[in-house]
Amino acid sequence: CNMCRATSVSLTPADGPLTTTPEKEVVSVNGQGCQQMRVTCNSRSANSDSFMEFNGGIDGPSGTPVVTATLVCFPDKNWYYTEGGVSRAVTEVSCGKTAEPVEREFI
């Protein structure tokens, strides 16, 4: 579980005003000696929440301007995201963000 390649997880670049480019960093090993990778989505605004999606359709973390997921290398040499006791292999990460509120002036 320490033989995963960081390049096996692709990051989808931002392609519009409600998307951002994810960032990744191989950070450490866990208690079992398995590699860990941190993936982050950042809306870059206190007024816009980020959300993460895996493999073109699996929901990841969301709800704050910066969301982070920790992926863990499994013995099959794939990266996995685990939430609620369910682990899913991850090969692609994309980020979206909510629209910022529009300030209106009332006269």
N, C-alpha and C. Protein backbone atom coordinates (compact mmCIF):
# COMPACT_ATOMS: atom_id res chain seq x y z
N CYS A 1 0.82 -1.21 0.00
CA CYS A 1 0.00 0.00 0.00
C CYS A 1 0.86 1.27 0.00
N ASN A 2 2.09 1.12 -0.43
CA ASN A 2 2.95 2.30 -0.57
C ASN A 2 3.52 2.39 -1.98
N MET A 3 2.80 1.79 -2.94
CA MET A 3 3.30 1.74 -4.32
C MET A 3 2.41 2.51 -5.30
N CYS A 4 1.54 3.38 -4.82
CA CYS A 4 0.66 4.14 -5.71
C CYS A 4 1.42 5.32 -6.32
N ARG A 5 1.08 5.63 -7.54
CA ARG A 5 1.69 6.78 -8.22
C ARG A 5 0.74 7.96 -8.12
N ALA A 6 1.26 9.11 -7.74
CA ALA A 6 0.43 10.31 -7.66
C ALA A 6 -0.19 10.64 -9.01
N THR A 7 0.49 10.30 -10.08
CA THR A 7 -0.01 10.61 -11.43
C THR A 7 -1.20 9.75 -11.83
N SER A 8 -1.52 8.73 -11.05
CA SER A 8 -2.68 7.89 -11.40
C SER A 8 -4.00 8.55 -11.03
N VAL A 9 -3.96 9.69 -10.35
CA VAL A 9 -5.16 10.48 -10.08
C VAL A 9 -5.05 11.75 -10.90
N SER A 10 -5.95 11.90 -11.88
CA SER A 10 -5.91 13.10 -12.73
C SER A 10 -6.76 14.20 -12.11
N LEU A 11 -6.32 15.42 -12.30
CA LEU A 11 -7.02 16.60 -11.81
C LEU A 11 -7.64 17.32 -12.99
N THR A 12 -8.95 17.50 -12.97
CA THR A 12 -9.64 18.17 -14.06
C THR A 12 -9.49 19.68 -13.89
N PRO A 13 -8.91 20.37 -14.87
CA PRO A 13 -8.73 21.82 -14.76
C PRO A 13 -10.07 22.55 -14.77
N ALA A 14 -10.09 23.70 -14.13
CA ALA A 14 -11.29 24.56 -14.15
C ALA A 14 -11.63 24.89 -15.60
N ASP A 15 -12.93 24.88 -15.90
CA ASP A 15 -13.35 25.19 -17.27
C ASP A 15 -14.53 26.15 -17.31
N GLY A 16 -14.71 26.92 -16.26
CA GLY A 16 -15.79 27.90 -16.23
C GLY A 16 -15.81 28.60 -14.89
N PRO A 17 -16.71 29.57 -14.74
CA PRO A 17 -16.73 30.37 -13.52
C PRO A 17 -17.14 29.61 -12.26
N LEU A 18 -17.80 28.47 -12.39
CA LEU A 18 -18.23 27.72 -11.22
C LEU A 18 -17.41 26.45 -11.02
N THR A 19 -16.20 26.43 -11.57
CA THR A 19 -15.27 25.32 -11.35
C THR A 19 -13.92 25.87 -10.91
N THR A 20 -13.18 25.05 -10.20
CA THR A 20 -11.81 25.40 -9.81
C THR A 20 -10.93 24.19 -10.09
N THR A 21 -9.64 24.41 -10.15
CA THR A 21 -8.70 23.32 -10.40
C THR A 21 -8.28 22.71 -9.06
N PRO A 22 -8.45 21.39 -8.89
CA PRO A 22 -8.02 20.76 -7.64
C PRO A 22 -6.50 20.77 -7.50
N GLU A 23 -6.06 20.67 -6.26
CA GLU A 23 -4.64 20.58 -5.96
C GLU A 23 -4.41 19.28 -5.20
N LYS A 24 -3.26 18.62 -5.44
CA LYS A 24 -2.98 17.38 -4.71
C LYS A 24 -1.55 17.40 -4.19
N GLU A 25 -1.37 16.63 -3.11
CA GLU A 25 -0.06 16.54 -2.48
C GLU A 25 0.02 15.19 -1.76
N VAL A 26 1.03 14.39 -2.07
CA VAL A 26 1.27 13.17 -1.31
C VAL A 26 1.89 13.61 0.00
N VAL A 27 1.22 13.29 1.11
CA VAL A 27 1.59 13.91 2.37
C VAL A 27 2.30 13.03 3.38
N SER A 28 1.94 11.77 3.48
CA SER A 28 2.51 10.97 4.56
C SER A 28 2.08 9.53 4.39
N VAL A 29 2.41 8.73 5.37
CA VAL A 29 1.88 7.37 5.44
C VAL A 29 0.99 7.27 6.68
N ASN A 30 -0.01 6.41 6.61
CA ASN A 30 -0.89 6.23 7.76
C ASN A 30 -0.31 5.19 8.72
N GLY A 31 -1.06 4.82 9.74
CA GLY A 31 -0.58 3.88 10.75
C GLY A 31 -0.27 2.49 10.21
N GLN A 32 -0.84 2.16 9.05
CA GLN A 32 -0.57 0.86 8.43
C GLN A 32 0.59 0.94 7.43
N GLY A 33 1.22 2.10 7.33
CA GLY A 33 2.33 2.29 6.40
C GLY A 33 1.91 2.57 4.97
N CYS A 34 0.64 2.91 4.78
CA CYS A 34 0.12 3.17 3.43
C CYS A 34 0.23 4.66 3.09
N GLN A 35 0.62 4.94 1.84
CA GLN A 35 0.71 6.32 1.37
C GLN A 35 -0.64 7.01 1.48
N GLN A 36 -0.60 8.31 1.73
CA GLN A 36 -1.79 9.15 1.73
C GLN A 36 -1.56 10.35 0.82
N MET A 37 -2.62 10.76 0.16
CA MET A 37 -2.59 11.94 -0.71
C MET A 37 -3.73 12.86 -0.28
N ARG A 38 -3.41 14.13 -0.16
CA ARG A 38 -4.44 15.12 0.16
C ARG A 38 -4.83 15.85 -1.12
N VAL A 39 -6.13 15.90 -1.40
CA VAL A 39 -6.66 16.62 -2.55
C VAL A 39 -7.55 17.74 -2.01
N THR A 40 -7.37 18.95 -2.55
CA THR A 40 -8.07 20.12 -2.03
C THR A 40 -8.79 20.87 -3.14
N CYS A 41 -10.00 21.33 -2.82
CA CYS A 41 -10.74 22.26 -3.68
C CYS A 41 -10.89 23.55 -2.89
N ASN A 42 -10.61 24.68 -3.53
CA ASN A 42 -10.65 25.97 -2.86
C ASN A 42 -11.40 26.96 -3.74
N SER A 43 -12.52 27.48 -3.24
CA SER A 43 -13.31 28.44 -4.01
C SER A 43 -12.65 29.81 -4.07
N ARG A 44 -11.69 30.04 -3.17
CA ARG A 44 -10.97 31.32 -3.07
C ARG A 44 -11.90 32.49 -2.72
N SER A 45 -13.01 32.17 -2.05
CA SER A 45 -13.94 33.22 -1.62
C SER A 45 -14.69 32.74 -0.38
N ALA A 46 -14.78 33.61 0.61
CA ALA A 46 -15.53 33.27 1.82
C ALA A 46 -17.03 33.14 1.55
N ASN A 47 -17.49 33.68 0.41
CA ASN A 47 -18.91 33.67 0.07
C ASN A 47 -19.31 32.56 -0.89
N SER A 48 -18.41 31.64 -1.17
CA SER A 48 -18.67 30.57 -2.13
C SER A 48 -18.15 29.25 -1.57
N ASP A 49 -19.01 28.24 -1.49
CA ASP A 49 -18.60 26.93 -1.00
C ASP A 49 -18.04 26.07 -2.12
N SER A 50 -17.11 25.21 -1.78
CA SER A 50 -16.52 24.27 -2.73
C SER A 50 -17.20 22.92 -2.60
N PHE A 51 -17.15 22.15 -3.68
CA PHE A 51 -17.54 20.75 -3.62
C PHE A 51 -16.63 19.96 -4.53
N MET A 52 -16.43 18.69 -4.18
CA MET A 52 -15.50 17.83 -4.90
C MET A 52 -16.27 16.67 -5.51
N GLU A 53 -15.82 16.25 -6.68
CA GLU A 53 -16.43 15.11 -7.36
C GLU A 53 -15.33 14.17 -7.82
N PHE A 54 -15.57 12.87 -7.68
CA PHE A 54 -14.61 11.85 -8.08
C PHE A 54 -15.12 11.09 -9.30
N ASN A 55 -14.21 10.77 -10.21
CA ASN A 55 -14.51 9.88 -11.34
C ASN A 55 -15.71 10.33 -12.15
N GLY A 56 -15.93 11.64 -12.25
CA GLY A 56 -16.99 12.17 -13.09
C GLY A 56 -18.39 11.98 -12.56
N GLY A 57 -18.58 11.67 -11.28
CA GLY A 57 -19.95 11.53 -10.81
C GLY A 57 -20.13 11.09 -9.37
N ILE A 58 -19.06 10.77 -8.66
CA ILE A 58 -19.18 10.35 -7.26
C ILE A 58 -18.93 11.56 -6.38
N ASP A 59 -19.92 11.90 -5.54
CA ASP A 59 -19.79 13.06 -4.67
C ASP A 59 -18.70 12.85 -3.63
N GLY A 60 -17.93 13.90 -3.45
CA GLY A 60 -16.92 13.94 -2.41
C GLY A 60 -17.33 14.97 -1.37
N PRO A 61 -16.38 15.46 -0.59
CA PRO A 61 -16.71 16.44 0.45
C PRO A 61 -17.17 17.76 -0.14
N SER A 62 -17.96 18.50 0.65
CA SER A 62 -18.45 19.81 0.22
C SER A 62 -18.86 20.62 1.43
N GLY A 63 -19.20 21.89 1.19
CA GLY A 63 -19.84 22.67 2.23
C GLY A 63 -19.09 23.83 2.82
N THR A 64 -17.83 24.02 2.50
CA THR A 64 -17.08 25.16 3.00
C THR A 64 -16.23 25.70 1.85
N PRO A 65 -15.66 26.90 1.99
CA PRO A 65 -14.84 27.44 0.90
C PRO A 65 -13.65 26.54 0.52
N VAL A 66 -13.10 25.82 1.49
CA VAL A 66 -11.99 24.89 1.22
C VAL A 66 -12.40 23.51 1.70
N VAL A 67 -12.40 22.53 0.78
CA VAL A 67 -12.69 21.15 1.18
C VAL A 67 -11.49 20.28 0.82
N THR A 68 -11.23 19.30 1.68
CA THR A 68 -10.08 18.43 1.51
C THR A 68 -10.51 16.98 1.64
N ALA A 69 -9.96 16.13 0.80
CA ALA A 69 -10.18 14.69 0.89
C ALA A 69 -8.82 14.02 1.03
N THR A 70 -8.76 13.02 1.89
CA THR A 70 -7.55 12.23 2.02
C THR A 70 -7.76 10.92 1.28
N LEU A 71 -6.92 10.67 0.28
CA LEU A 71 -6.95 9.42 -0.46
C LEU A 71 -5.86 8.52 0.09
N VAL A 72 -6.15 7.23 0.18
CA VAL A 72 -5.20 6.27 0.74
C VAL A 72 -4.88 5.22 -0.32
N CYS A 73 -3.60 4.91 -0.43
CA CYS A 73 -3.14 3.86 -1.34
C CYS A 73 -3.48 2.49 -0.75
N PHE A 74 -4.19 1.68 -1.53
CA PHE A 74 -4.54 0.33 -1.10
C PHE A 74 -3.55 -0.65 -1.74
N PRO A 75 -3.51 -1.90 -1.25
CA PRO A 75 -2.56 -2.88 -1.80
C PRO A 75 -2.70 -3.14 -3.30
N ASP A 76 -3.87 -2.84 -3.88
CA ASP A 76 -4.03 -3.03 -5.33
C ASP A 76 -3.42 -1.89 -6.15
N LYS A 77 -2.70 -0.99 -5.46
CA LYS A 77 -1.99 0.15 -6.07
C LYS A 77 -2.92 1.20 -6.65
N ASN A 78 -4.14 1.28 -6.11
CA ASN A 78 -5.09 2.34 -6.46
C ASN A 78 -5.31 3.23 -5.26
N TRP A 79 -5.67 4.49 -5.53
CA TRP A 79 -6.01 5.45 -4.49
C TRP A 79 -7.49 5.32 -4.16
N TYR A 80 -7.83 5.38 -2.86
CA TYR A 80 -9.22 5.23 -2.43
C TYR A 80 -9.63 6.38 -1.52
N TYR A 81 -10.89 6.78 -1.65
CA TYR A 81 -11.52 7.73 -0.74
C TYR A 81 -12.54 6.94 0.07
N THR A 82 -12.50 7.09 1.39
CA THR A 82 -13.41 6.37 2.27
C THR A 82 -14.28 7.36 3.02
N GLU A 83 -15.59 7.12 2.96
CA GLU A 83 -16.55 7.94 3.72
C GLU A 83 -17.67 7.03 4.18
N GLY A 84 -18.03 7.14 5.44
CA GLY A 84 -19.10 6.32 5.99
C GLY A 84 -18.83 4.83 5.89
N GLY A 85 -17.56 4.44 5.97
CA GLY A 85 -17.20 3.04 5.91
C GLY A 85 -17.16 2.44 4.51
N VAL A 86 -17.42 3.26 3.48
CA VAL A 86 -17.40 2.79 2.10
C VAL A 86 -16.18 3.39 1.40
N SER A 87 -15.36 2.53 0.79
CA SER A 87 -14.16 2.98 0.07
C SER A 87 -14.40 2.85 -1.43
N ARG A 88 -14.02 3.90 -2.16
CA ARG A 88 -14.16 3.90 -3.62
C ARG A 88 -12.83 4.28 -4.24
N ALA A 89 -12.43 3.55 -5.29
CA ALA A 89 -11.21 3.88 -6.02
C ALA A 89 -11.40 5.22 -6.72
N VAL A 90 -10.36 6.05 -6.71
CA VAL A 90 -10.42 7.38 -7.32
C VAL A 90 -9.34 7.48 -8.39
N THR A 91 -9.75 7.85 -9.60
CA THR A 91 -8.81 8.07 -10.70
C THR A 91 -8.87 9.49 -11.22
N GLU A 92 -9.92 10.25 -10.82
CA GLU A 92 -10.09 11.62 -11.33
C GLU A 92 -10.79 12.45 -10.26
N VAL A 93 -10.36 13.72 -10.14
CA VAL A 93 -10.96 14.65 -9.19
C VAL A 93 -11.27 15.95 -9.91
N SER A 94 -12.48 16.47 -9.67
CA SER A 94 -12.85 17.79 -10.18
C SER A 94 -13.45 18.60 -9.04
N CYS A 95 -13.42 19.91 -9.19
CA CYS A 95 -13.93 20.81 -8.16
C CYS A 95 -14.94 21.79 -8.75
N GLY A 96 -15.97 22.03 -7.98
CA GLY A 96 -16.94 23.06 -8.34
C GLY A 96 -17.11 24.01 -7.18
N LYS A 97 -17.82 25.08 -7.43
CA LYS A 97 -18.10 26.02 -6.36
C LYS A 97 -19.46 26.64 -6.58
N THR A 98 -20.07 27.07 -5.48
CA THR A 98 -21.36 27.72 -5.57
C THR A 98 -21.18 29.16 -6.04
N ALA A 99 -22.21 29.69 -6.67
CA ALA A 99 -22.15 31.08 -7.11
C ALA A 99 -22.16 32.00 -5.90
N GLU A 100 -21.41 33.07 -6.00
CA GLU A 100 -21.41 34.05 -4.92
C GLU A 100 -22.69 34.85 -4.96
N PRO A 101 -23.21 35.23 -3.79
CA PRO A 101 -24.44 36.03 -3.78
C PRO A 101 -24.22 37.36 -4.51
N VAL A 102 -25.24 37.79 -5.19
CA VAL A 102 -25.17 39.06 -5.91
C VAL A 102 -25.69 40.15 -4.97
N GLU A 103 -24.85 41.16 -4.79
CA GLU A 103 -25.28 42.28 -3.95
C GLU A 103 -26.10 43.23 -4.79
N ARG A 104 -27.25 43.57 -4.27
CA ARG A 104 -28.13 44.49 -4.99
C ARG A 104 -28.39 45.71 -4.14
N GLU A 105 -28.45 46.80 -4.79
CA GLU A 105 -28.74 48.05 -4.10
C GLU A 105 -30.20 48.38 -4.30
N PHE A 106 -30.89 48.56 -3.20
CA PHE A 106 -32.30 48.93 -3.28
C PHE A 106 -32.44 50.40 -2.95
N ILE A 107 -33.20 51.06 -3.76
CA ILE A 107 -33.38 52.51 -3.58
C ILE A 107 -34.76 52.79 -3.03
